[in-house]
Structure formats: C-alpha cells, structure tokens
Amino acid sequence: MEVKPIALSDGLAFAADVREGTLITIRRDGRPQSSDVHHAVTDGLIVFSVLPDRAKVYNIERDPRVVYHVSHEGSYLSFDGTAEVSPIATETHGPNMDTLINAFRAVAGKEHPDWDEFRDAMVTERRRVITVTPTSVIGLIRPVWR
C-alpha cells in the first residue's frame, strides 16, 4: 500500500476519534521516553492532564520537542511538534483550573458530575495540562477508518 501525504487537519481528525496515543519526549541523555495517555484534540492542539512528577513533564520543560503517536485498526500517525506544560493548579478557581476543566471536558466529552470535587482533586494532585502543538504528521490512514 502506497503511503500518501497526510494533511495535518486530516491527521488531527483521526486523532480526535481515536483519543488514545503515546507521547514521546527526549530524556536528558537523548534517549526517547514514551508515555501512553488519553487525549483530546481542540483547536488544532492535542491536550491531556498529567501529574506533576512524571518524566514527560521534566522532559518537556527541558526540551519541548515531542512526537505524538496514534494508532488504531492498522492506521498509524506520528505528529511532530512541540509541547508545553501548564502551571500547577494551586487554587480551585482561576486560569490554571480553567485549563484543567477545559482539558477534562475535551478528553471526557462530558461534564464532571461534581465540579467542586474535581477542583479539589486537581489541587490536591497538583495536576497540570500538556498541550502539544503539532507541526507535521506522517503515517497511514487506512480506508476502514470512518
């Protein structure tokens, strides 16, 4: 099967339907580090929440270059891009919490049943949001998708 160029918008549409992927960051020694995550695609960006002490957080803060890989039913895509980690949510209201709430809504596709509980948990867990800005995509989307 011939691999054809994929438009970034088509790749993001595929990723939006799959909602699970692997973030690949660069360790201090240059080796790749991978993390499986559940994501959402919003406004051309890939977003998900993360605990603050994960390797991916430290790696992105040191070097924002990433690859985000998505595969499903024989189709696969690798997005090159950069990532940014939001500040830790230290208050139950404010812009950092708004970022977490927006990420939750996008990933879950629904409202949380108890926003006060959610807000308290995000502060307790010191959650952050990783935003991947994809710049290109390569891979293969098989016709069975969609």
N, C-alpha and C. Protein backbone atom coordinates (compact mmCIF):
# COMPACT_ATOMS: atom_id res chain seq x y z
N MET A 1 0.85 -1.18 0.00
CA MET A 1 0.00 0.00 0.00
C MET A 1 0.89 1.23 0.00
N GLU A 2 0.60 2.16 -0.88
CA GLU A 2 1.39 3.39 -1.00
C GLU A 2 1.05 4.36 0.13
N VAL A 3 2.09 4.90 0.74
CA VAL A 3 1.90 5.90 1.78
C VAL A 3 1.81 7.26 1.10
N LYS A 4 0.70 7.95 1.32
CA LYS A 4 0.47 9.25 0.70
C LYS A 4 0.59 10.34 1.75
N PRO A 5 0.92 11.54 1.33
CA PRO A 5 0.99 12.64 2.31
C PRO A 5 -0.35 12.81 3.03
N ILE A 6 -0.25 13.18 4.29
CA ILE A 6 -1.45 13.38 5.11
C ILE A 6 -1.51 14.83 5.53
N ALA A 7 -2.65 15.45 5.29
CA ALA A 7 -2.84 16.83 5.74
C ALA A 7 -2.93 16.83 7.27
N LEU A 8 -2.35 17.83 7.89
CA LEU A 8 -2.39 17.93 9.34
C LEU A 8 -3.83 17.90 9.86
N SER A 9 -4.74 18.57 9.16
CA SER A 9 -6.14 18.59 9.59
C SER A 9 -6.76 17.18 9.54
N ASP A 10 -6.41 16.38 8.54
CA ASP A 10 -6.91 15.00 8.47
C ASP A 10 -6.32 14.15 9.59
N GLY A 11 -5.05 14.34 9.87
CA GLY A 11 -4.41 13.61 10.96
C GLY A 11 -5.03 13.94 12.30
N LEU A 12 -5.31 15.22 12.51
CA LEU A 12 -5.93 15.63 13.77
C LEU A 12 -7.36 15.10 13.89
N ALA A 13 -8.08 15.02 12.79
CA ALA A 13 -9.43 14.44 12.82
C ALA A 13 -9.36 12.97 13.21
N PHE A 14 -8.38 12.25 12.68
CA PHE A 14 -8.19 10.85 13.05
C PHE A 14 -7.86 10.75 14.55
N ALA A 15 -6.93 11.57 15.02
CA ALA A 15 -6.53 11.54 16.43
C ALA A 15 -7.70 11.89 17.35
N ALA A 16 -8.56 12.79 16.90
CA ALA A 16 -9.72 13.18 17.71
C ALA A 16 -10.67 12.00 17.90
N ASP A 17 -10.78 11.15 16.91
CA ASP A 17 -11.66 9.99 17.03
C ASP A 17 -11.03 8.87 17.86
N VAL A 18 -9.71 8.73 17.80
CA VAL A 18 -9.03 7.64 18.50
C VAL A 18 -8.91 7.93 20.00
N ARG A 19 -8.48 9.11 20.36
CA ARG A 19 -8.43 9.61 21.74
C ARG A 19 -7.42 8.95 22.67
N GLU A 20 -6.61 8.03 22.16
CA GLU A 20 -5.52 7.44 22.94
C GLU A 20 -4.27 7.49 22.09
N GLY A 21 -3.15 7.78 22.73
CA GLY A 21 -1.92 7.84 21.98
C GLY A 21 -0.71 7.71 22.89
N THR A 22 0.45 7.88 22.29
CA THR A 22 1.71 7.78 23.02
C THR A 22 2.51 9.05 22.79
N LEU A 23 2.87 9.70 23.88
CA LEU A 23 3.72 10.88 23.83
C LEU A 23 5.16 10.42 23.95
N ILE A 24 6.00 10.88 23.04
CA ILE A 24 7.41 10.55 23.07
C ILE A 24 8.19 11.84 23.29
N THR A 25 8.91 11.87 24.41
CA THR A 25 9.73 13.02 24.78
C THR A 25 11.20 12.60 24.75
N ILE A 26 12.08 13.57 24.99
CA ILE A 26 13.51 13.32 24.93
C ILE A 26 14.09 13.38 26.35
N ARG A 27 14.70 12.30 26.77
CA ARG A 27 15.35 12.26 28.08
C ARG A 27 16.60 13.12 28.07
N ARG A 28 17.11 13.40 29.24
CA ARG A 28 18.32 14.22 29.38
C ARG A 28 19.49 13.63 28.58
N ASP A 29 19.58 12.30 28.52
CA ASP A 29 20.70 11.67 27.80
C ASP A 29 20.41 11.49 26.31
N GLY A 30 19.27 12.01 25.83
CA GLY A 30 18.94 11.95 24.41
C GLY A 30 18.09 10.77 23.99
N ARG A 31 17.90 9.81 24.87
CA ARG A 31 17.06 8.65 24.52
C ARG A 31 15.59 9.03 24.58
N PRO A 32 14.73 8.35 23.80
CA PRO A 32 13.30 8.64 23.85
C PRO A 32 12.66 8.06 25.11
N GLN A 33 11.62 8.72 25.57
CA GLN A 33 10.81 8.23 26.69
C GLN A 33 9.37 8.29 26.23
N SER A 34 8.61 7.22 26.40
CA SER A 34 7.23 7.19 25.91
C SER A 34 6.25 7.06 27.06
N SER A 35 5.08 7.67 26.86
CA SER A 35 4.01 7.65 27.86
C SER A 35 2.68 7.50 27.13
N ASP A 36 1.90 6.51 27.52
CA ASP A 36 0.56 6.35 26.96
C ASP A 36 -0.40 7.28 27.69
N VAL A 37 -1.24 7.98 26.92
CA VAL A 37 -2.17 8.94 27.51
C VAL A 37 -3.51 8.91 26.77
N HIS A 38 -4.53 9.46 27.41
CA HIS A 38 -5.83 9.72 26.79
C HIS A 38 -5.86 11.20 26.47
N HIS A 39 -6.19 11.55 25.26
CA HIS A 39 -6.08 12.94 24.82
C HIS A 39 -7.38 13.44 24.20
N ALA A 40 -7.38 14.73 23.95
CA ALA A 40 -8.42 15.37 23.14
C ALA A 40 -7.72 16.25 22.13
N VAL A 41 -8.41 16.52 21.04
CA VAL A 41 -7.93 17.47 20.05
C VAL A 41 -8.87 18.66 20.08
N THR A 42 -8.31 19.82 20.40
CA THR A 42 -9.11 21.04 20.45
C THR A 42 -8.36 22.16 19.74
N ASP A 43 -9.02 22.79 18.80
CA ASP A 43 -8.44 23.93 18.08
C ASP A 43 -7.07 23.60 17.49
N GLY A 44 -6.92 22.40 16.95
CA GLY A 44 -5.66 22.02 16.32
C GLY A 44 -4.56 21.63 17.28
N LEU A 45 -4.88 21.47 18.56
CA LEU A 45 -3.91 21.11 19.59
C LEU A 45 -4.31 19.78 20.22
N ILE A 46 -3.33 19.04 20.71
CA ILE A 46 -3.57 17.78 21.41
C ILE A 46 -3.35 18.07 22.90
N VAL A 47 -4.35 17.77 23.75
CA VAL A 47 -4.26 18.13 25.17
C VAL A 47 -4.60 16.93 26.05
N PHE A 48 -3.99 16.93 27.25
CA PHE A 48 -4.29 15.93 28.27
C PHE A 48 -3.72 16.42 29.59
N SER A 49 -4.27 15.90 30.70
CA SER A 49 -3.76 16.30 32.02
C SER A 49 -2.71 15.29 32.49
N VAL A 50 -1.91 15.76 33.44
CA VAL A 50 -0.78 14.95 33.90
C VAL A 50 -0.46 15.29 35.35
N LEU A 51 0.05 14.30 36.06
CA LEU A 51 0.57 14.55 37.40
C LEU A 51 1.92 15.26 37.27
N PRO A 52 2.29 16.09 38.24
CA PRO A 52 3.45 16.96 38.08
C PRO A 52 4.81 16.28 38.13
N ASP A 53 4.89 15.06 38.67
CA ASP A 53 6.20 14.44 38.86
C ASP A 53 6.51 13.36 37.83
N ARG A 54 5.85 13.41 36.71
CA ARG A 54 6.09 12.42 35.66
C ARG A 54 7.28 12.82 34.80
N ALA A 55 7.96 11.81 34.25
CA ALA A 55 9.14 12.06 33.42
C ALA A 55 8.81 12.97 32.24
N LYS A 56 7.64 12.79 31.66
CA LYS A 56 7.27 13.60 30.49
C LYS A 56 7.25 15.09 30.82
N VAL A 57 6.86 15.44 32.04
CA VAL A 57 6.82 16.84 32.45
C VAL A 57 8.23 17.40 32.48
N TYR A 58 9.14 16.70 33.15
CA TYR A 58 10.53 17.17 33.23
C TYR A 58 11.17 17.24 31.84
N ASN A 59 10.91 16.23 31.03
CA ASN A 59 11.49 16.20 29.69
C ASN A 59 11.01 17.38 28.85
N ILE A 60 9.72 17.67 28.87
CA ILE A 60 9.17 18.77 28.08
C ILE A 60 9.68 20.11 28.58
N GLU A 61 9.78 20.26 29.88
CA GLU A 61 10.28 21.53 30.41
C GLU A 61 11.73 21.77 30.00
N ARG A 62 12.49 20.71 29.81
CA ARG A 62 13.88 20.84 29.39
C ARG A 62 13.99 20.97 27.87
N ASP A 63 13.16 20.21 27.14
CA ASP A 63 13.22 20.20 25.67
C ASP A 63 11.80 19.96 25.15
N PRO A 64 11.16 20.99 24.59
CA PRO A 64 9.75 20.87 24.22
C PRO A 64 9.46 20.06 22.94
N ARG A 65 10.49 19.58 22.27
CA ARG A 65 10.26 18.79 21.05
C ARG A 65 9.67 17.43 21.41
N VAL A 66 8.59 17.05 20.73
CA VAL A 66 7.92 15.78 21.01
C VAL A 66 7.44 15.14 19.71
N VAL A 67 7.14 13.87 19.83
CA VAL A 67 6.38 13.14 18.82
C VAL A 67 5.16 12.59 19.55
N TYR A 68 4.00 12.72 18.91
CA TYR A 68 2.78 12.14 19.47
C TYR A 68 2.29 11.09 18.48
N HIS A 69 2.22 9.84 18.92
CA HIS A 69 1.88 8.72 18.04
C HIS A 69 0.49 8.19 18.37
N VAL A 70 -0.30 7.96 17.32
CA VAL A 70 -1.65 7.45 17.45
C VAL A 70 -1.80 6.27 16.48
N SER A 71 -2.39 5.18 16.95
CA SER A 71 -2.66 4.06 16.05
C SER A 71 -4.01 3.44 16.38
N HIS A 72 -4.63 2.90 15.34
CA HIS A 72 -5.95 2.27 15.52
C HIS A 72 -6.28 1.47 14.28
N GLU A 73 -6.61 0.20 14.47
CA GLU A 73 -7.08 -0.70 13.41
C GLU A 73 -6.22 -0.62 12.15
N GLY A 74 -4.91 -0.71 12.31
CA GLY A 74 -4.00 -0.72 11.17
C GLY A 74 -3.59 0.64 10.66
N SER A 75 -4.21 1.69 11.14
CA SER A 75 -3.80 3.05 10.79
C SER A 75 -2.86 3.56 11.87
N TYR A 76 -1.94 4.43 11.48
CA TYR A 76 -0.99 4.98 12.45
C TYR A 76 -0.52 6.35 11.98
N LEU A 77 -0.32 7.22 12.92
CA LEU A 77 0.17 8.57 12.64
C LEU A 77 1.17 8.98 13.69
N SER A 78 2.18 9.71 13.27
CA SER A 78 3.14 10.31 14.19
C SER A 78 3.19 11.81 13.90
N PHE A 79 2.82 12.57 14.91
CA PHE A 79 2.82 14.03 14.82
C PHE A 79 4.13 14.56 15.40
N ASP A 80 4.86 15.33 14.64
CA ASP A 80 5.99 16.08 15.19
C ASP A 80 5.45 17.38 15.72
N GLY A 81 6.05 17.88 16.79
CA GLY A 81 5.60 19.17 17.31
C GLY A 81 6.35 19.57 18.55
N THR A 82 5.78 20.51 19.23
CA THR A 82 6.32 20.97 20.50
C THR A 82 5.23 20.87 21.55
N ALA A 83 5.65 20.79 22.80
CA ALA A 83 4.70 20.67 23.88
C ALA A 83 4.99 21.71 24.95
N GLU A 84 3.94 22.04 25.67
CA GLU A 84 4.04 23.00 26.76
C GLU A 84 3.28 22.42 27.95
N VAL A 85 3.80 22.65 29.15
CA VAL A 85 3.16 22.18 30.36
C VAL A 85 2.60 23.39 31.11
N SER A 86 1.32 23.32 31.46
CA SER A 86 0.70 24.43 32.18
C SER A 86 1.24 24.52 33.60
N PRO A 87 1.07 25.65 34.25
CA PRO A 87 1.43 25.74 35.66
C PRO A 87 0.55 24.80 36.50
N ILE A 88 1.04 24.46 37.67
CA ILE A 88 0.28 23.63 38.61
C ILE A 88 -0.92 24.41 39.10
N ALA A 89 -2.05 23.74 39.16
CA ALA A 89 -3.25 24.36 39.72
C ALA A 89 -3.12 24.37 41.24
N THR A 90 -3.00 25.55 41.82
CA THR A 90 -2.86 25.66 43.28
C THR A 90 -4.11 26.25 43.93
N GLU A 91 -5.08 26.66 43.11
CA GLU A 91 -6.33 27.23 43.60
C GLU A 91 -7.49 26.56 42.89
N THR A 92 -8.62 26.46 43.56
CA THR A 92 -9.78 25.80 42.95
C THR A 92 -10.48 26.66 41.91
N HIS A 93 -10.12 27.93 41.83
CA HIS A 93 -10.66 28.82 40.80
C HIS A 93 -9.52 29.64 40.23
N GLY A 94 -9.59 29.92 38.95
CA GLY A 94 -8.54 30.71 38.32
C GLY A 94 -8.16 30.12 36.98
N PRO A 95 -7.23 30.77 36.28
CA PRO A 95 -6.90 30.34 34.92
C PRO A 95 -6.29 28.94 34.84
N ASN A 96 -5.47 28.54 35.81
CA ASN A 96 -4.89 27.19 35.76
C ASN A 96 -5.97 26.12 35.93
N MET A 97 -6.95 26.39 36.79
CA MET A 97 -8.05 25.45 36.96
C MET A 97 -8.93 25.44 35.70
N ASP A 98 -9.14 26.60 35.11
CA ASP A 98 -9.92 26.66 33.87
C ASP A 98 -9.28 25.79 32.79
N THR A 99 -7.95 25.80 32.71
CA THR A 99 -7.24 24.96 31.74
C THR A 99 -7.50 23.49 32.00
N LEU A 100 -7.47 23.08 33.26
CA LEU A 100 -7.75 21.69 33.62
C LEU A 100 -9.19 21.30 33.32
N ILE A 101 -10.11 22.19 33.64
CA ILE A 101 -11.53 21.91 33.37
C ILE A 101 -11.77 21.77 31.87
N ASN A 102 -11.20 22.66 31.09
CA ASN A 102 -11.36 22.58 29.64
C ASN A 102 -10.76 21.30 29.08
N ALA A 103 -9.61 20.89 29.62
CA ALA A 103 -8.98 19.64 29.17
C ALA A 103 -9.85 18.45 29.55
N PHE A 104 -10.40 18.44 30.77
CA PHE A 104 -11.27 17.34 31.19
C PHE A 104 -12.47 17.25 30.26
N ARG A 105 -13.13 18.36 30.02
CA ARG A 105 -14.31 18.36 29.15
C ARG A 105 -13.98 17.81 27.77
N ALA A 106 -12.83 18.23 27.23
CA ALA A 106 -12.44 17.79 25.89
C ALA A 106 -12.12 16.30 25.87
N VAL A 107 -11.36 15.82 26.85
CA VAL A 107 -10.96 14.41 26.87
C VAL A 107 -12.16 13.51 27.19
N ALA A 108 -12.93 13.88 28.21
CA ALA A 108 -14.06 13.05 28.63
C ALA A 108 -15.28 13.20 27.71
N GLY A 109 -15.38 14.35 27.06
CA GLY A 109 -16.54 14.59 26.21
C GLY A 109 -17.82 14.80 26.98
N LYS A 110 -17.69 15.19 28.25
CA LYS A 110 -18.88 15.40 29.08
C LYS A 110 -18.51 16.30 30.26
N GLU A 111 -19.51 16.64 31.02
CA GLU A 111 -19.30 17.42 32.23
C GLU A 111 -18.96 16.48 33.38
N HIS A 112 -18.21 16.97 34.32
CA HIS A 112 -17.91 16.19 35.53
C HIS A 112 -19.15 16.20 36.43
N PRO A 113 -19.46 15.11 37.12
CA PRO A 113 -20.67 15.09 37.96
C PRO A 113 -20.57 15.97 39.21
N ASP A 114 -19.35 16.33 39.62
CA ASP A 114 -19.18 17.15 40.82
C ASP A 114 -17.95 18.04 40.63
N TRP A 115 -18.18 19.26 40.14
CA TRP A 115 -17.05 20.15 39.83
C TRP A 115 -16.27 20.56 41.07
N ASP A 116 -16.92 20.68 42.21
CA ASP A 116 -16.18 21.01 43.43
C ASP A 116 -15.21 19.89 43.78
N GLU A 117 -15.67 18.65 43.68
CA GLU A 117 -14.80 17.50 43.92
C GLU A 117 -13.63 17.48 42.92
N PHE A 118 -13.93 17.74 41.65
CA PHE A 118 -12.90 17.79 40.62
C PHE A 118 -11.85 18.85 40.95
N ARG A 119 -12.32 20.04 41.27
CA ARG A 119 -11.40 21.15 41.58
C ARG A 119 -10.50 20.80 42.76
N ASP A 120 -11.09 20.24 43.82
CA ASP A 120 -10.30 19.86 44.99
C ASP A 120 -9.25 18.79 44.63
N ALA A 121 -9.65 17.82 43.83
CA ALA A 121 -8.74 16.75 43.43
C ALA A 121 -7.59 17.30 42.58
N MET A 122 -7.88 18.21 41.68
CA MET A 122 -6.84 18.78 40.82
C MET A 122 -5.80 19.55 41.63
N VAL A 123 -6.25 20.26 42.67
CA VAL A 123 -5.32 20.99 43.53
C VAL A 123 -4.52 20.01 44.39
N THR A 124 -5.19 19.01 44.95
CA THR A 124 -4.52 18.01 45.78
C THR A 124 -3.47 17.25 44.97
N GLU A 125 -3.82 16.87 43.75
CA GLU A 125 -2.91 16.10 42.89
C GLU A 125 -1.87 16.98 42.19
N ARG A 126 -2.05 18.31 42.28
CA ARG A 126 -1.15 19.27 41.65
C ARG A 126 -1.08 19.06 40.13
N ARG A 127 -2.25 18.78 39.56
CA ARG A 127 -2.35 18.47 38.14
C ARG A 127 -1.93 19.63 37.25
N ARG A 128 -1.50 19.24 36.05
CA ARG A 128 -1.11 20.19 35.01
C ARG A 128 -1.69 19.69 33.69
N VAL A 129 -1.63 20.52 32.67
CA VAL A 129 -2.09 20.13 31.34
C VAL A 129 -0.91 20.22 30.38
N ILE A 130 -0.75 19.18 29.58
CA ILE A 130 0.23 19.23 28.50
C ILE A 130 -0.53 19.54 27.22
N THR A 131 -0.02 20.51 26.48
CA THR A 131 -0.58 20.89 25.19
C THR A 131 0.48 20.65 24.13
N VAL A 132 0.15 19.81 23.17
CA VAL A 132 1.04 19.52 22.05
C VAL A 132 0.57 20.33 20.86
N THR A 133 1.49 21.09 20.29
CA THR A 133 1.22 21.84 19.06
C THR A 133 1.87 21.08 17.91
N PRO A 134 1.08 20.33 17.15
CA PRO A 134 1.66 19.55 16.05
C PRO A 134 2.05 20.46 14.89
N THR A 135 3.19 20.15 14.28
CA THR A 135 3.67 20.93 13.14
C THR A 135 3.62 20.13 11.84
N SER A 136 3.65 18.79 11.95
CA SER A 136 3.56 17.94 10.77
C SER A 136 3.10 16.55 11.21
N VAL A 137 2.70 15.75 10.24
CA VAL A 137 2.25 14.39 10.54
C VAL A 137 2.66 13.48 9.40
N ILE A 138 3.07 12.26 9.77
CA ILE A 138 3.35 11.22 8.79
C ILE A 138 2.66 9.95 9.26
N GLY A 139 2.43 9.04 8.34
CA GLY A 139 1.81 7.78 8.70
C GLY A 139 0.87 7.30 7.62
N LEU A 140 -0.11 6.54 8.04
CA LEU A 140 -1.04 5.91 7.11
C LEU A 140 -2.41 5.83 7.75
N ILE A 141 -3.39 6.35 7.06
CA ILE A 141 -4.78 6.19 7.49
C ILE A 141 -5.44 5.23 6.49
N ARG A 142 -5.79 4.06 6.97
CA ARG A 142 -6.41 3.04 6.10
C ARG A 142 -7.87 3.40 5.84
N PRO A 143 -8.39 2.98 4.70
CA PRO A 143 -9.77 3.34 4.32
C PRO A 143 -10.83 2.85 5.30
N VAL A 144 -10.56 1.82 6.13
CA VAL A 144 -11.58 1.32 7.05
C VAL A 144 -11.89 2.34 8.14
N TRP A 145 -10.99 3.29 8.35
CA TRP A 145 -11.24 4.31 9.36
C TRP A 145 -12.36 5.20 8.85
N ARG A 146 -13.30 5.49 9.71
CA ARG A 146 -14.50 6.29 9.42
C ARG A 146 -15.45 5.45 8.70
